[in-house]
Amino acid sequence: MQLEHKMSNIYESAATTLGLFNSPCLTKVELRVACKGISDRDALSKPDPCGVLKMQSHGQWFEVDRTEVIRSSISPVFSKVFTVDYYFEEVQRLRFELHDISSNHNGLKEADFLGAMECTLGQIVSQRKLSKALLKQGNTAGKSSITVTAEELSGNDDYVELAFSAKKLDDKDFFSKSDPFLEIFRVNDDGTASLVHRTETIMNNLSPVWKSFKVSLNTLCSGDHERELKCTVWDWDSNGKHDFIGEFQTTFKEMKAAMDGKQIQWECINPKYQVKKKNYRNSGMVILTMCKIIKMHSFLDYIMGGCQIQFTVAIDFTASNGDPRNSCSLHYIHPYQPNEYLKALIAVGEICQDYDSFCHLSMSFFPSSIQVSHDFAVNFDEDNPECAGIQGVVEAYQNCLPKIQLYGPTNIAPIIQKVADSASEEMHTKEAMEYFILLILTDGVITDMADTREAIVHASHLPMSVIIVGIGNADFSDMQMLDGDDGILRSPKGEPVLRDIVQFVPFHNFKHASPAALAKSVLAEVPNQVVDYYNGKGIKPKCLSDFESSRAFSP
């Protein structure tokens, strides 16, 4: 009874701390990044820079997003736009890092560190444009600098999908044809231009067809359909000194004519040739082959439309955790202090249970000598493995500990596959009714890495996300790879994930932080993953009235 009282107090204190999430987001802000004068250790070639945005939470830096890699550039202007929530009442510390990504590897582990700049979001917002020196190791300032420009997001969250091609572009190369890429700039009210998108380079082709791309209307034209857009075509060069082919001006209003299946084309003009050459007509034609407006629905649109978050917890009961009766075990139940598994359970489950109106959380663990399976119900009820809310999960976890014997390898693919089976059934409904989150709490290196990668690639096509919390101090480098933040995760056959659905967080980073900090980091990517899945499938939120009527008549 005393233990239940203590656990109740722990549960209540975690819930109270999690109330910190109630502060409203004031607005969303877009951040654009450009750098100048980057020096590299390798003097023989120019760096291939990539920018990384990190945010600080309780003294720890967490990666939020990263830019594309720009090859051979000492003064990159990144087309990637960072979108962050702005809270007036919080000091939001940001860190912008620059890394030189080698051409044969896209991860940061093997990259050279080129410098970093730290500031607060408030500083950027108040100045609109913040320029500072990039500091190298030991906080020494070199000649390189970084400029971050902030812009508040307007209320227009719609996206537009555009597809461009070109024909008969000027040939700028002696021994082969031009390698063209297209840049689109938005002309701002003050006459400056902001890079909206840079296409990929099509090698050795004077009539390229570039991949379609999506961009928010806010980024493209600040929601103003008549704002001038400047488009420039270049011949890519490996040394970074790209040759100018030509340019043209347009507006989104003009582009919209391509929405009816028509094609719009512009003459690509080189002003120098126009002046010098008498018979000059153009340097080729650029064609807009597709323009499609995509209505973007928010996370709240789906939740308020009745989408339920189905939350499954999988707990690692392998022998490496230690005997739960031993005080050194990661599963040891202390009468006054919750272990790391319980802390993580309470912090994350407290948030997730609010999004399931039935308030039932499924729970599994792996493996156990009770049943030679890498997945079974922690409440010992295979037909109904659900627990009543997070408190039910905590009780089930505590109750099962004395009844099990820990053993065996850490195989997590079967659990991912089991949740994926449920998500697959939901996918066929083509409605936004259930999204599945699998929380895996594990103490170490997984033993079925190939099968796990295969399972994650399969699951990336489904309405589900996988959150892994590393408990203890083991080597979690495999988990970092599954996260996909250090490069694109692929199956053993080489198939890439359709979307990044894995978030890995080592618990030891939060040992002295509040449950709120852990939950915030663990769940940070979920809203975007939900939106990305349903918007990518073209699935709209159910209307509230539709949801209520379907629930009223359901058996």
Protein backbone atom coordinates (compact mmCIF):
# COMPACT_ATOMS: atom_id res chain seq x y z
CA MET A 1 0.00 0.00 0.00
CA GLN A 2 2.87 2.31 0.89
CA LEU A 3 4.47 1.56 -2.49
CA GLU A 4 1.21 2.42 -4.29
CA HIS A 5 1.03 5.71 -2.37
CA LYS A 6 4.64 6.55 -3.28
CA MET A 7 4.06 5.65 -6.94
CA SER A 8 0.93 7.79 -6.95
CA ASN A 9 2.96 10.74 -5.66
CA ILE A 10 5.62 10.19 -8.31
CA TYR A 11 2.91 9.98 -10.96
CA GLU A 12 1.22 13.17 -9.73
CA SER A 13 4.48 15.12 -9.55
CA ALA A 14 5.32 14.10 -13.14
CA ALA A 15 1.85 15.11 -14.28
CA THR A 16 2.19 18.47 -12.54
CA THR A 17 5.55 19.12 -14.17
CA LEU A 18 4.11 18.25 -17.56
CA GLY A 19 1.67 21.13 -17.14
CA LEU A 20 4.53 23.29 -18.46
CA PHE A 21 3.27 22.43 -21.94
CA ASN A 22 0.28 24.73 -21.52
CA SER A 23 2.15 27.90 -22.53
CA PRO A 24 0.79 28.86 -25.96
CA CYS A 25 2.99 29.18 -29.02
CA LEU A 26 2.92 32.87 -29.96
CA THR A 27 3.70 32.35 -33.63
CA LYS A 28 5.78 30.32 -36.05
CA VAL A 29 8.95 31.83 -37.48
CA GLU A 30 10.88 30.91 -40.62
CA LEU A 31 14.68 31.11 -40.41
CA ARG A 32 16.92 31.37 -43.50
CA VAL A 33 20.66 30.75 -43.28
CA ALA A 34 23.59 32.00 -45.36
CA CYS A 35 27.34 31.93 -44.64
CA LYS A 36 30.38 33.78 -45.97
CA GLY A 37 34.11 33.07 -46.17
CA ILE A 38 34.15 29.51 -44.87
CA SER A 39 37.65 28.16 -44.51
CA ASP A 40 38.33 24.44 -44.52
CA ARG A 41 41.12 22.21 -43.24
CA ASP A 42 41.56 20.85 -46.75
CA ALA A 43 43.04 23.81 -48.63
CA LEU A 44 43.07 21.92 -51.95
CA SER A 45 39.29 21.90 -52.33
CA LYS A 46 36.32 23.94 -51.25
CA PRO A 47 34.08 22.58 -48.46
CA ASP A 48 30.69 20.90 -49.01
CA PRO A 49 28.80 22.71 -46.23
CA CYS A 50 25.65 21.58 -44.44
CA GLY A 51 23.95 23.66 -41.73
CA VAL A 52 22.47 22.11 -38.58
CA LEU A 53 19.99 23.84 -36.26
CA LYS A 54 19.98 22.76 -32.61
CA MET A 55 17.80 23.96 -29.73
CA GLN A 56 18.67 23.82 -26.05
CA SER A 57 16.49 22.10 -23.47
CA HIS A 58 17.64 21.84 -19.85
CA GLY A 59 21.29 22.30 -20.77
CA GLN A 60 21.26 19.74 -23.61
CA TRP A 61 21.45 20.53 -27.34
CA PHE A 62 19.04 18.67 -29.61
CA GLU A 63 19.07 18.67 -33.40
CA VAL A 64 15.91 20.21 -34.85
CA ASP A 65 16.66 20.09 -38.57
CA ARG A 66 19.42 20.46 -41.12
CA THR A 67 19.93 22.07 -44.51
CA GLU A 68 20.85 20.47 -47.79
CA VAL A 69 24.52 19.96 -48.62
CA ILE A 70 25.94 22.53 -51.06
CA ARG A 71 28.94 21.22 -52.98
CA SER A 72 32.15 23.28 -53.35
CA SER A 73 31.03 26.51 -51.71
CA ILE A 74 32.76 28.93 -49.35
CA SER A 75 29.71 31.25 -49.20
CA PRO A 76 26.63 29.00 -49.25
CA VAL A 77 23.06 30.31 -49.31
CA PHE A 78 20.88 27.44 -48.16
CA SER A 79 17.43 26.94 -49.71
CA LYS A 80 16.23 24.92 -46.71
CA VAL A 81 14.01 27.04 -44.44
CA PHE A 82 13.86 26.20 -40.71
CA THR A 83 10.40 26.62 -39.14
CA VAL A 84 10.36 27.04 -35.35
CA ASP A 85 7.74 27.89 -32.73
CA TYR A 86 8.34 31.22 -31.05
CA TYR A 87 7.46 31.66 -27.35
CA PHE A 88 7.75 35.23 -26.16
CA GLU A 89 8.02 34.26 -22.50
CA GLU A 90 10.82 31.71 -22.99
CA VAL A 91 14.52 32.16 -23.66
CA GLN A 92 14.91 29.86 -26.66
CA ARG A 93 18.59 29.13 -27.17
CA LEU A 94 19.65 28.16 -30.71
CA ARG A 95 22.91 26.80 -32.07
CA PHE A 96 23.72 26.90 -35.78
CA GLU A 97 26.51 24.49 -36.75
CA LEU A 98 28.28 24.19 -40.09
CA HIS A 99 29.81 20.88 -41.18
CA ASP A 100 31.80 19.85 -44.24
CA ILE A 101 30.06 16.73 -45.54
CA SER A 102 32.29 14.50 -47.64
CA SER A 103 30.76 13.56 -50.98
CA ASN A 104 30.64 9.84 -50.19
CA HIS A 105 28.94 10.15 -46.80
CA ASN A 106 26.03 12.29 -45.68
CA GLY A 107 26.38 11.75 -41.92
CA LEU A 108 27.88 14.20 -39.42
CA LYS A 109 30.12 11.66 -37.71
CA GLU A 110 32.75 11.73 -40.46
CA ALA A 111 32.26 15.42 -41.27
CA ASP A 112 34.68 18.25 -40.50
CA PHE A 113 33.34 20.87 -38.11
CA LEU A 114 33.49 24.29 -39.79
CA GLY A 115 32.14 26.48 -37.00
CA ALA A 116 29.10 27.35 -34.90
CA MET A 117 27.11 30.34 -33.71
CA GLU A 118 24.88 30.48 -30.64
CA CYS A 119 22.12 33.01 -30.02
CA THR A 120 18.52 33.22 -28.84
CA LEU A 121 15.47 33.18 -31.07
CA GLY A 122 14.49 36.49 -29.47
CA GLN A 123 17.71 38.10 -30.72
CA ILE A 124 17.03 37.00 -34.30
CA VAL A 125 13.36 38.01 -34.20
CA SER A 126 14.11 41.46 -32.72
CA GLN A 127 16.80 42.22 -35.33
CA ARG A 128 15.10 40.44 -38.27
CA LYS A 129 18.61 39.69 -39.59
CA LEU A 130 21.42 38.56 -37.29
CA SER A 131 25.03 38.25 -38.53
CA LYS A 132 27.78 36.81 -36.31
CA ALA A 133 31.17 35.17 -36.64
CA LEU A 134 31.30 31.38 -36.86
CA LEU A 135 33.31 30.13 -33.89
CA LYS A 136 35.61 27.13 -34.32
CA GLN A 137 36.78 24.64 -31.69
CA GLY A 138 37.89 26.53 -28.58
CA ASN A 139 35.53 29.41 -29.46
CA THR A 140 38.08 31.05 -31.75
CA ALA A 141 36.66 33.37 -34.39
CA GLY A 142 37.93 33.10 -37.96
CA LYS A 143 37.00 35.11 -41.04
CA SER A 144 33.81 33.13 -41.68
CA SER A 145 30.39 34.49 -40.69
CA ILE A 146 26.77 33.35 -40.62
CA THR A 147 23.62 35.38 -41.26
CA VAL A 148 20.20 34.22 -40.06
CA THR A 149 17.08 36.02 -41.29
CA ALA A 150 13.73 35.68 -39.51
CA GLU A 151 10.26 36.05 -40.93
CA GLU A 152 6.94 35.45 -39.21
CA LEU A 153 4.73 32.88 -40.87
CA SER A 154 1.50 34.30 -42.19
CA GLY A 155 -1.75 32.45 -41.63
CA ASN A 156 -1.49 30.76 -45.04
CA ASP A 157 -0.25 27.20 -44.50
CA ASP A 158 -1.09 25.98 -48.01
CA TYR A 159 1.64 24.46 -50.13
CA VAL A 160 2.15 24.52 -53.87
CA GLU A 161 3.74 21.75 -55.92
CA LEU A 162 5.65 22.93 -58.99
CA ALA A 163 7.45 21.07 -61.76
CA PHE A 164 9.80 22.79 -64.23
CA SER A 165 11.61 21.69 -67.37
CA ALA A 166 13.61 23.54 -70.02
CA LYS A 167 14.54 23.17 -73.67
CA LYS A 168 17.34 24.39 -75.94
CA LEU A 169 19.40 25.96 -73.14
CA ASP A 170 22.73 27.56 -74.07
CA ASP A 171 25.68 25.18 -74.04
CA LYS A 172 28.35 26.50 -71.66
CA ASP A 173 30.72 23.52 -71.74
CA PHE A 174 33.38 22.80 -74.42
CA PHE A 175 33.51 19.00 -74.21
CA SER A 176 29.98 18.22 -73.03
CA LYS A 177 26.58 19.84 -72.69
CA SER A 178 25.59 22.21 -69.86
CA ASP A 179 24.66 20.81 -66.42
CA PRO A 180 21.67 23.05 -65.62
CA PHE A 181 19.94 23.84 -62.34
CA LEU A 182 17.21 26.38 -61.59
CA GLU A 183 16.96 28.82 -58.67
CA ILE A 184 13.76 30.65 -57.69
CA PHE A 185 13.92 33.84 -55.61
CA ARG A 186 11.15 35.84 -53.99
CA VAL A 187 11.62 39.62 -54.34
CA ASN A 188 10.90 41.26 -50.97
CA ASP A 189 9.32 44.64 -50.27
CA ASP A 190 12.74 46.20 -49.63
CA GLY A 191 14.08 44.98 -52.98
CA THR A 192 16.17 42.14 -51.53
CA ALA A 193 15.68 38.59 -52.80
CA SER A 194 15.15 35.43 -50.72
CA LEU A 195 16.05 32.03 -52.16
CA VAL A 196 12.90 29.90 -52.33
CA HIS A 197 14.14 26.74 -54.01
CA ARG A 198 17.16 25.34 -55.80
CA THR A 199 16.54 22.34 -58.05
CA GLU A 200 18.86 19.41 -58.45
CA THR A 201 21.45 19.54 -61.24
CA ILE A 202 20.72 17.59 -64.44
CA MET A 203 24.04 16.57 -65.91
CA ASN A 204 24.94 16.95 -69.61
CA ASN A 205 21.45 17.98 -70.80
CA LEU A 206 20.23 21.12 -72.60
CA SER A 207 16.57 20.09 -72.19
CA PRO A 208 16.41 19.10 -68.50
CA VAL A 209 13.33 17.90 -66.63
CA TRP A 210 13.71 18.78 -62.95
CA LYS A 211 11.94 16.93 -60.13
CA SER A 212 8.73 18.46 -58.84
CA PHE A 213 8.99 20.13 -55.43
CA LYS A 214 6.68 21.44 -52.73
CA VAL A 215 7.01 24.82 -51.09
CA SER A 216 4.68 26.79 -48.80
CA LEU A 217 2.89 29.75 -50.35
CA ASN A 218 4.29 31.78 -47.48
CA THR A 219 7.84 30.93 -48.54
CA LEU A 220 7.16 31.31 -52.25
CA CYS A 221 5.45 34.69 -52.27
CA SER A 222 4.53 35.65 -48.66
CA GLY A 223 0.95 34.80 -49.62
CA ASP A 224 0.96 37.62 -52.20
CA HIS A 225 0.13 36.04 -55.57
CA GLU A 226 1.34 39.14 -57.46
CA ARG A 227 4.75 39.38 -55.79
CA GLU A 228 7.64 39.28 -58.26
CA LEU A 229 9.58 36.02 -58.51
CA LYS A 230 13.00 35.93 -60.15
CA CYS A 231 14.14 32.66 -61.70
CA THR A 232 17.74 32.00 -62.70
CA VAL A 233 19.24 29.09 -64.66
CA TRP A 234 22.89 28.10 -64.13
CA ASP A 235 25.36 25.65 -65.58
CA TRP A 236 26.76 23.78 -62.58
CA ASP A 237 30.53 23.57 -62.17
CA SER A 238 32.32 21.28 -59.72
CA ASN A 239 34.53 24.13 -58.47
CA GLY A 240 31.47 26.12 -57.37
CA LYS A 241 31.91 28.81 -60.05
CA HIS A 242 28.65 28.15 -61.87
CA ASP A 243 28.09 29.74 -65.31
CA PHE A 244 25.06 31.99 -65.74
CA ILE A 245 22.72 30.81 -68.53
CA GLY A 246 19.76 33.18 -68.19
CA GLU A 247 16.84 34.46 -66.11
CA PHE A 248 13.19 35.47 -66.22
CA GLN A 249 10.61 37.10 -63.96
CA THR A 250 7.14 35.85 -63.10
CA THR A 251 4.49 35.80 -60.35
CA PHE A 252 2.52 33.04 -58.69
CA LYS A 253 -0.59 34.54 -60.29
CA GLU A 254 0.98 33.80 -63.67
CA MET A 255 2.07 30.31 -62.58
CA LYS A 256 -1.48 29.41 -61.54
CA ALA A 257 -2.46 29.23 -65.22
CA ALA A 258 -0.70 25.84 -65.24
CA MET A 259 -3.22 24.47 -62.72
CA ASP A 260 -5.61 23.48 -65.50
CA GLY A 261 -3.14 21.09 -67.08
CA LYS A 262 -1.71 23.77 -69.36
CA GLN A 263 1.98 24.50 -69.71
CA ILE A 264 3.43 27.98 -69.31
CA GLN A 265 6.80 28.90 -70.72
CA TRP A 266 9.22 31.78 -70.37
CA GLU A 267 12.17 32.89 -72.45
CA CYS A 268 15.39 32.48 -70.50
CA ILE A 269 17.27 35.73 -71.12
CA ASN A 270 20.95 36.56 -70.63
CA PRO A 271 20.96 40.41 -70.44
CA LYS A 272 24.62 40.64 -71.59
CA TYR A 273 23.90 38.66 -74.75
CA GLN A 274 20.77 40.74 -75.31
CA VAL A 275 22.92 43.88 -75.47
CA LYS A 276 25.89 42.42 -77.41
CA LYS A 277 24.26 40.09 -79.95
CA LYS A 278 22.10 41.57 -82.71
CA ASN A 279 20.15 38.42 -83.55
CA TYR A 280 19.89 37.20 -79.95
CA ARG A 281 16.46 35.76 -79.11
CA ASN A 282 16.98 33.85 -75.85
CA SER A 283 19.18 31.33 -74.08
CA GLY A 284 16.46 28.67 -74.06
CA MET A 285 12.93 28.21 -72.78
CA VAL A 286 11.84 27.29 -69.24
CA ILE A 287 8.50 25.50 -68.94
CA LEU A 288 6.22 25.10 -65.93
CA THR A 289 4.64 21.69 -66.48
CA MET A 290 2.66 21.45 -63.24
CA CYS A 291 1.22 23.80 -60.62
CA LYS A 292 -0.89 22.28 -57.88
CA ILE A 293 -2.11 23.94 -54.66
CA ILE A 294 -2.05 21.54 -51.71
CA LYS A 295 -4.23 22.40 -48.73
CA MET A 296 -2.08 21.66 -45.69
CA HIS A 297 -3.93 20.50 -42.61
CA SER A 298 -2.39 20.91 -39.17
CA PHE A 299 -1.88 18.34 -36.42
CA LEU A 300 -4.77 19.92 -34.52
CA ASP A 301 -7.01 19.65 -37.60
CA TYR A 302 -6.56 15.88 -37.52
CA ILE A 303 -6.85 15.52 -33.73
CA MET A 304 -9.97 17.72 -33.58
CA GLY A 305 -11.35 15.77 -36.53
CA GLY A 306 -11.33 12.66 -34.36
CA CYS A 307 -7.95 11.05 -35.13
CA GLN A 308 -6.95 8.87 -32.15
CA ILE A 309 -3.36 8.22 -31.12
CA GLN A 310 -2.96 4.50 -30.45
CA PHE A 311 -0.05 4.21 -28.02
CA THR A 312 1.89 0.95 -27.52
CA VAL A 313 4.71 0.61 -24.99
CA ALA A 314 7.34 -2.10 -25.42
CA ILE A 315 9.70 -2.67 -22.49
CA ASP A 316 13.05 -4.43 -22.72
CA PHE A 317 13.16 -7.29 -20.23
CA THR A 318 16.36 -8.88 -21.54
CA ALA A 319 18.95 -10.22 -19.09
CA SER A 320 21.35 -7.31 -19.64
CA ASN A 321 19.06 -5.14 -17.48
CA GLY A 322 19.97 -7.16 -14.38
CA ASP A 323 17.77 -9.08 -11.93
CA PRO A 324 14.90 -6.74 -10.83
CA ARG A 325 15.43 -7.90 -7.22
CA ASN A 326 18.95 -6.50 -7.30
CA SER A 327 19.30 -2.79 -6.53
CA CYS A 328 21.80 -2.45 -9.43
CA SER A 329 19.17 -3.58 -11.95
CA LEU A 330 17.65 -1.04 -14.32
CA HIS A 331 14.30 -2.65 -13.44
CA TYR A 332 14.76 -2.42 -9.66
CA ILE A 333 11.62 -1.06 -7.99
CA HIS A 334 12.77 1.33 -5.28
CA PRO A 335 10.10 2.15 -2.68
CA TYR A 336 10.65 5.91 -3.01
CA GLN A 337 12.38 6.57 -6.32
CA PRO A 338 11.09 5.42 -9.75
CA ASN A 339 13.63 3.71 -12.01
CA GLU A 340 14.46 5.10 -15.45
CA TYR A 341 11.93 2.84 -17.18
CA LEU A 342 9.13 4.20 -14.98
CA LYS A 343 10.25 7.80 -15.39
CA ALA A 344 10.24 7.49 -19.17
CA LEU A 345 6.88 5.67 -19.13
CA ILE A 346 5.19 8.32 -17.04
CA ALA A 347 6.66 11.30 -18.88
CA VAL A 348 5.74 10.15 -22.38
CA GLY A 349 2.56 8.24 -21.59
CA GLU A 350 1.09 11.19 -19.72
CA ILE A 351 1.07 13.18 -22.96
CA CYS A 352 -0.06 10.40 -25.31
CA GLN A 353 -3.01 9.22 -23.25
CA ASP A 354 -4.72 12.59 -23.74
CA TYR A 355 -5.08 11.87 -27.47
CA ASP A 356 -6.92 8.57 -27.08
CA SER A 357 -10.48 9.11 -25.89
CA PHE A 358 -10.65 5.48 -24.73
CA CYS A 359 -7.55 6.09 -22.60
CA HIS A 360 -6.27 2.54 -23.12
CA LEU A 361 -2.60 1.96 -23.79
CA SER A 362 -1.31 -1.35 -25.19
CA MET A 363 1.76 -2.78 -23.54
CA SER A 364 4.26 -5.48 -24.48
CA PHE A 365 7.69 -6.54 -23.42
CA PHE A 366 10.49 -8.60 -24.86
CA PRO A 367 11.53 -11.33 -24.20
CA SER A 368 10.58 -13.55 -21.22
CA SER A 369 10.91 -17.19 -20.21
CA ILE A 370 7.16 -17.25 -19.49
CA GLN A 371 6.50 -17.33 -23.20
CA VAL A 372 9.22 -17.89 -25.76
CA SER A 373 8.24 -14.92 -27.86
CA HIS A 374 9.76 -11.53 -28.41
CA ASP A 375 6.49 -9.85 -27.69
CA PHE A 376 3.69 -10.53 -25.27
CA ALA A 377 1.28 -8.60 -23.10
CA VAL A 378 2.73 -7.23 -19.91
CA ASN A 379 -0.63 -7.69 -18.16
CA PHE A 380 -0.59 -11.38 -19.15
CA ASP A 381 -3.83 -11.00 -21.16
CA GLU A 382 -2.99 -11.70 -24.80
CA ASP A 383 -6.59 -11.09 -25.92
CA ASN A 384 -6.73 -7.68 -24.26
CA PRO A 385 -3.22 -6.26 -23.77
CA GLU A 386 -4.55 -2.79 -23.01
CA CYS A 387 -4.16 -0.95 -19.72
CA ALA A 388 -6.41 1.82 -18.39
CA GLY A 389 -4.33 4.94 -18.95
CA ILE A 390 -0.72 5.49 -18.01
CA GLN A 391 -1.42 4.63 -14.38
CA GLY A 392 -2.63 1.22 -15.54
CA VAL A 393 0.60 0.76 -17.50
CA VAL A 394 2.69 1.63 -14.43
CA GLU A 395 0.75 -0.85 -12.29
CA ALA A 396 1.01 -3.61 -14.91
CA TYR A 397 4.76 -3.06 -15.18
CA GLN A 398 5.23 -3.29 -11.43
CA ASN A 399 2.95 -6.30 -11.05
CA CYS A 400 4.64 -8.39 -13.75
CA LEU A 401 8.23 -7.88 -12.54
CA PRO A 402 8.16 -10.54 -9.77
CA LYS A 403 6.64 -13.10 -12.20
CA ILE A 404 9.25 -13.06 -14.94
CA GLN A 405 12.76 -14.22 -15.59
CA LEU A 406 14.92 -12.06 -17.81
CA TYR A 407 16.80 -13.64 -20.68
CA GLY A 408 17.69 -13.60 -24.33
CA PRO A 409 18.62 -11.31 -27.20
CA THR A 410 17.17 -7.83 -27.79
CA ASN A 411 14.99 -8.33 -30.87
CA ILE A 412 12.67 -5.39 -31.61
CA ALA A 413 11.65 -6.11 -35.23
CA PRO A 414 8.72 -8.40 -34.18
CA ILE A 415 7.18 -5.62 -32.05
CA ILE A 416 7.53 -3.04 -34.83
CA GLN A 417 5.93 -5.54 -37.22
CA LYS A 418 3.04 -6.22 -34.82
CA VAL A 419 2.15 -2.51 -34.53
CA ALA A 420 2.70 -2.14 -38.29
CA ASP A 421 0.07 -4.86 -38.88
CA SER A 422 -2.50 -2.77 -36.99
CA ALA A 423 -1.40 0.42 -38.78
CA SER A 424 -1.67 -1.40 -42.10
CA GLU A 425 -5.34 -2.20 -41.42
CA GLU A 426 -5.97 1.49 -40.60
CA MET A 427 -4.20 2.56 -43.79
CA HIS A 428 -6.76 0.73 -45.94
CA THR A 429 -9.61 2.81 -44.48
CA LYS A 430 -8.12 5.88 -46.21
CA GLU A 431 -9.39 7.99 -43.29
CA ALA A 432 -7.53 9.85 -40.55
CA MET A 433 -8.98 7.89 -37.65
CA GLU A 434 -6.03 6.17 -35.97
CA TYR A 435 -2.32 6.94 -35.85
CA PHE A 436 -0.01 4.49 -34.07
CA ILE A 437 2.92 5.35 -31.80
CA LEU A 438 5.25 2.61 -30.59
CA LEU A 439 7.39 3.58 -27.59
CA ILE A 440 10.33 1.20 -27.13
CA LEU A 441 12.25 1.40 -23.85
CA THR A 442 15.49 -0.56 -24.16
CA ASP A 443 18.81 -0.81 -22.37
CA GLY A 444 21.18 -1.65 -25.16
CA VAL A 445 22.33 -2.90 -28.50
CA ILE A 446 19.66 -4.62 -30.56
CA THR A 447 20.51 -8.05 -31.99
CA ASP A 448 18.22 -8.10 -35.05
CA MET A 449 19.46 -4.90 -36.72
CA ALA A 450 18.85 -6.03 -40.32
CA ASP A 451 15.26 -7.13 -39.58
CA THR A 452 14.66 -3.92 -37.61
CA ARG A 453 15.81 -1.74 -40.51
CA GLU A 454 13.55 -3.72 -42.84
CA ALA A 455 10.60 -3.30 -40.43
CA ILE A 456 11.15 0.47 -40.12
CA VAL A 457 11.35 0.98 -43.89
CA HIS A 458 8.05 -0.94 -44.24
CA ALA A 459 6.48 1.03 -41.36
CA SER A 460 7.49 4.37 -42.93
CA HIS A 461 4.66 3.82 -45.44
CA LEU A 462 2.10 3.45 -42.63
CA PRO A 463 0.37 5.78 -40.14
CA MET A 464 2.86 5.09 -37.35
CA SER A 465 5.90 6.47 -35.56
CA VAL A 466 8.54 4.68 -33.49
CA ILE A 467 10.07 6.34 -30.41
CA ILE A 468 13.08 4.67 -28.79
CA VAL A 469 14.29 5.73 -25.35
CA GLY A 470 17.70 4.33 -24.41
CA ILE A 471 17.82 3.36 -20.72
CA GLY A 472 21.17 3.10 -18.92
CA ASN A 473 24.65 3.83 -20.28
CA ALA A 474 25.11 1.27 -23.07
CA ASP A 475 26.45 2.00 -26.56
CA PHE A 476 23.46 3.38 -28.46
CA SER A 477 25.19 4.11 -31.80
CA ASP A 478 22.89 1.63 -33.60
CA MET A 479 19.87 3.55 -32.31
CA GLN A 480 21.30 6.81 -33.65
CA MET A 481 21.48 5.16 -37.07
CA LEU A 482 17.83 4.09 -36.88
CA ASP A 483 16.88 7.68 -36.05
CA GLY A 484 17.83 8.72 -39.57
CA ASP A 485 19.08 12.15 -38.42
CA ASP A 486 22.61 11.14 -39.42
CA GLY A 487 21.72 10.18 -42.99
CA ILE A 488 18.87 8.32 -44.68
CA LEU A 489 18.02 4.93 -43.14
CA ARG A 490 17.84 2.10 -45.66
CA SER A 491 16.74 -1.52 -45.51
CA PRO A 492 19.40 -4.23 -46.00
CA LYS A 493 18.30 -4.32 -49.68
CA GLY A 494 18.98 -0.58 -50.02
CA GLU A 495 15.37 0.66 -50.00
CA PRO A 496 15.21 4.09 -48.26
CA VAL A 497 12.57 5.04 -45.69
CA LEU A 498 9.65 6.92 -47.23
CA ARG A 499 9.67 9.34 -44.29
CA ASP A 500 11.63 9.66 -41.05
CA ILE A 501 9.46 7.94 -38.41
CA VAL A 502 12.04 7.07 -35.72
CA GLN A 503 13.03 9.33 -32.85
CA PHE A 504 15.79 8.14 -30.50
CA VAL A 505 16.53 9.80 -27.17
CA PRO A 506 19.10 8.56 -24.60
CA PHE A 507 17.54 8.86 -21.14
CA HIS A 508 20.86 9.72 -19.48
CA ASN A 509 20.68 13.14 -21.16
CA PHE A 510 17.63 13.84 -18.98
CA LYS A 511 18.70 12.25 -15.70
CA HIS A 512 18.60 15.58 -13.90
CA ALA A 513 15.89 17.22 -16.03
CA SER A 514 12.16 17.35 -15.53
CA PRO A 515 9.77 14.78 -17.05
CA ALA A 516 8.50 17.64 -19.22
CA ALA A 517 11.92 18.04 -20.86
CA LEU A 518 12.08 14.33 -21.70
CA ALA A 519 8.53 14.22 -23.05
CA LYS A 520 9.09 17.36 -25.11
CA SER A 521 12.19 15.91 -26.77
CA VAL A 522 10.69 12.43 -27.29
CA LEU A 523 7.44 13.69 -28.79
CA ALA A 524 8.81 16.72 -30.66
CA GLU A 525 8.65 15.11 -34.10
CA VAL A 526 5.29 13.33 -33.74
CA PRO A 527 2.93 16.17 -34.83
CA ASN A 528 4.92 16.69 -38.04
CA GLN A 529 5.05 12.94 -38.68
CA VAL A 530 1.26 12.72 -38.36
CA VAL A 531 0.76 15.69 -40.70
CA ASP A 532 3.36 14.44 -43.19
CA TYR A 533 1.70 11.03 -43.41
CA TYR A 534 -1.89 12.19 -43.94
CA ASN A 535 -1.04 15.20 -46.13
CA GLY A 536 1.29 13.02 -48.20
CA LYS A 537 -1.56 10.57 -48.78
CA GLY A 538 -3.99 13.39 -49.56
CA ILE A 539 -6.15 12.31 -46.59
CA LYS A 540 -8.15 15.19 -45.13
CA PRO A 541 -9.23 15.40 -41.47
CA LYS A 542 -12.71 14.10 -40.82
CA CYS A 543 -15.21 16.85 -40.02
CA LEU A 544 -16.11 17.01 -36.36
CA SER A 545 -19.79 16.41 -37.21
CA ASP A 546 -18.86 13.34 -39.32
CA PHE A 547 -16.80 12.00 -36.45
CA GLU A 548 -19.54 12.49 -33.88
CA SER A 549 -22.19 10.83 -36.05
CA SER A 550 -19.98 7.82 -36.84
CA ARG A 551 -19.17 7.40 -33.14
CA ALA A 552 -22.83 7.70 -32.15
CA PHE A 553 -23.86 4.73 -34.32
CA SER A 554 -20.83 2.54 -33.81
CA PRO A 555 -21.51 -0.71 -31.98
